[in-house]
Amino acid sequence: MYTLYDFWGKAERSGPRFHPAILHMLDAGIVASQLLATMSADFQEYFLKEFADDIPYAHQLVKFLTSLHDLGKISPGFQGKGCVPHARGGELQHRSSRMDR
């Protein structure tokens, strides 16, 4: 039985290590939130009002939507692209040399 941490999202080009897709997605949401926080209050309000009138809610919505950007990586089609997890601990077994190109 697989867990969400068994699905790879980012992998080394020539090594066995990988970063789980779920953690990559959460990382992206946090980075989007932090980038937005560096913007002026006027820009934040202008940008976030495109999502919702409630600014704190809109900020959370942007983090959530950004986190979903790689949801497709947790699918058989993507997971079958050249390597599969063979053990817990973030290691991959390459199916072919396609990953080294």
Foldseek 3Di string as FASTA:
>chain_A
DDDQQFQFDADDLPFFFGGRLQVVLLVQLVVVLVVLVVDDPVVQCVVQVVPPNPSVVSNVVSSVVSSCPVVVSPDPVNCPPFWGDDDPDGTIDGPDNPSND
